[in-house]
Amino acid sequence: MAGRFTLVRNTALSRGTAEQRAVWLDLVTDMENALHLRRHTGGTLARHADYLHQRTGGVMGSLSHLIREAALTALLDGSEKITKRLLAGIQLDIRAEQQARPPQKRLPRPRNNGTGS
């Protein structure tokens, strides 16, 4: 089965420069324009471009999954619109979920007091 597929390696899209932010925004806007949800307000996803980048780490596959899953949920629940609250409830791939979480503070390990316990 592996012979049927080609491995495509893409790096995450950055948002460090104005040009990079414009590329990300174009990608989000194009995906949003492909949606055909009756009650979805155009520009909603574009307004949340920074949030979408933070959630997905700039990975197109994670972004595609997030938007697709949100659209399916919106169809199934009858709302037919994507909101930030809906996006926040969508679980992504492990890499995206770990990347999006703020680093956790490590608790100091208890010291061995020399008693052997």
Protein backbone atom coordinates (compact mmCIF):
# COMPACT_ATOMS: atom_id res chain seq x y z
CA MET A 1 0.00 0.00 0.00
CA ALA A 2 2.87 2.40 0.73
CA GLY A 3 3.78 2.26 -2.95
CA ARG A 4 0.59 4.11 -3.82
CA PHE A 5 1.51 7.27 -1.99
CA THR A 6 4.14 9.95 -2.28
CA LEU A 7 5.60 11.49 0.83
CA VAL A 8 5.33 15.27 0.68
CA ARG A 9 7.37 17.18 3.23
CA ASN A 10 6.11 20.67 3.92
CA THR A 11 7.44 23.02 6.51
CA ALA A 12 5.13 25.08 8.65
CA LEU A 13 4.26 28.53 7.38
CA SER A 14 5.77 31.31 9.46
CA ARG A 15 4.15 34.63 10.35
CA GLY A 16 7.28 36.62 11.18
CA THR A 17 7.18 39.03 8.25
CA ALA A 18 4.40 41.00 6.59
CA GLU A 19 4.79 38.84 3.48
CA GLN A 20 4.49 35.61 5.51
CA ARG A 21 1.39 36.94 7.28
CA ALA A 22 -0.13 37.82 3.89
CA VAL A 23 0.51 34.28 2.60
CA TRP A 24 -1.13 32.78 5.71
CA LEU A 25 -4.10 35.14 5.45
CA ASP A 26 -4.53 34.26 1.74
CA LEU A 27 -4.54 30.56 2.61
CA VAL A 28 -7.13 31.04 5.38
CA THR A 29 -9.26 33.26 3.14
CA ASP A 30 -9.17 30.78 0.25
CA MET A 31 -10.23 27.95 2.56
CA GLU A 32 -13.01 30.09 4.00
CA ASN A 33 -14.24 31.05 0.53
CA ALA A 34 -14.58 27.35 -0.32
CA LEU A 35 -17.10 26.89 2.51
CA HIS A 36 -20.75 26.78 1.57
CA LEU A 37 -22.38 27.27 4.96
CA ARG A 38 -25.62 29.25 4.80
CA ARG A 39 -25.15 31.20 8.03
CA HIS A 40 -21.37 31.61 8.04
CA THR A 41 -20.22 35.23 7.97
CA GLY A 42 -17.47 35.74 5.42
CA GLY A 43 -14.24 37.04 6.93
CA THR A 44 -14.73 35.25 10.24
CA LEU A 45 -11.79 32.90 9.72
CA ALA A 46 -9.64 35.69 8.28
CA ARG A 47 -10.29 37.70 11.46
CA HIS A 48 -9.03 34.74 13.46
CA ALA A 49 -5.93 34.13 11.30
CA ASP A 50 -3.55 34.62 14.26
CA TYR A 51 -5.55 32.20 16.40
CA LEU A 52 -5.64 29.65 13.57
CA HIS A 53 -1.86 29.90 13.17
CA GLN A 54 -1.35 29.47 16.91
CA ARG A 55 -3.65 26.42 17.00
CA THR A 56 -2.10 24.72 13.97
CA GLY A 57 1.51 25.84 14.24
CA GLY A 58 1.23 27.08 10.66
CA VAL A 59 0.83 23.56 9.27
CA MET A 60 -1.54 23.46 6.29
CA GLY A 61 -2.72 19.92 7.01
CA SER A 62 -3.70 20.85 10.57
CA LEU A 63 -5.43 24.01 9.33
CA SER A 64 -7.33 22.04 6.71
CA HIS A 65 -8.40 19.47 9.29
CA LEU A 66 -9.50 22.18 11.73
CA ILE A 67 -11.63 24.02 9.18
CA ARG A 68 -13.07 20.84 7.66
CA GLU A 69 -13.99 19.41 11.06
CA ALA A 70 -15.56 22.72 12.13
CA ALA A 71 -17.58 22.88 8.90
CA LEU A 72 -18.84 19.31 9.35
CA THR A 73 -19.78 20.04 12.96
CA ALA A 74 -21.61 23.21 11.87
CA LEU A 75 -23.56 21.22 9.29
CA LEU A 76 -24.45 18.46 11.72
CA ASP A 77 -25.52 20.76 14.56
CA GLY A 78 -27.55 22.92 12.16
CA SER A 79 -25.76 26.19 12.96
CA GLU A 80 -24.07 26.28 9.54
CA LYS A 81 -21.50 28.77 10.75
CA ILE A 82 -18.00 28.54 12.15
CA THR A 83 -17.18 30.50 15.29
CA LYS A 84 -14.03 30.75 17.36
CA ARG A 85 -15.79 28.81 20.11
CA LEU A 86 -16.51 25.99 17.65
CA LEU A 87 -12.90 26.02 16.44
CA ALA A 88 -11.65 25.85 20.04
CA GLY A 89 -13.61 22.64 20.60
CA ILE A 90 -12.06 20.78 17.67
CA GLN A 91 -9.27 18.39 18.59
CA LEU A 92 -6.30 18.37 16.25
CA ASP A 93 -3.35 16.06 15.66
CA ILE A 94 -1.00 15.43 18.57
CA ARG A 95 1.75 17.71 17.24
CA ALA A 96 -0.63 20.65 16.83
CA GLU A 97 -2.23 20.10 20.24
CA GLN A 98 1.15 19.90 22.00
CA GLN A 99 2.52 22.90 20.14
CA ALA A 100 -0.54 25.03 20.93
CA ARG A 101 -0.42 24.38 24.68
CA PRO A 102 1.57 26.81 26.79
CA PRO A 103 4.60 25.14 28.35
CA GLN A 104 3.79 23.65 31.71
CA LYS A 105 5.83 24.62 34.72
CA ARG A 106 7.80 21.72 36.07
CA LEU A 107 7.37 21.04 39.75
CA PRO A 108 10.58 20.54 41.70
CA ARG A 109 11.32 16.91 42.39
CA PRO A 110 11.34 15.92 46.05
CA ARG A 111 14.83 15.49 47.37
CA ASN A 112 15.96 12.25 48.83
CA ASN A 113 16.67 13.03 52.49
CA GLY A 114 19.18 10.19 52.80
CA THR A 115 16.85 7.88 54.71
CA GLY A 116 16.51 5.50 51.81
CA SER A 117 12.79 6.04 51.46
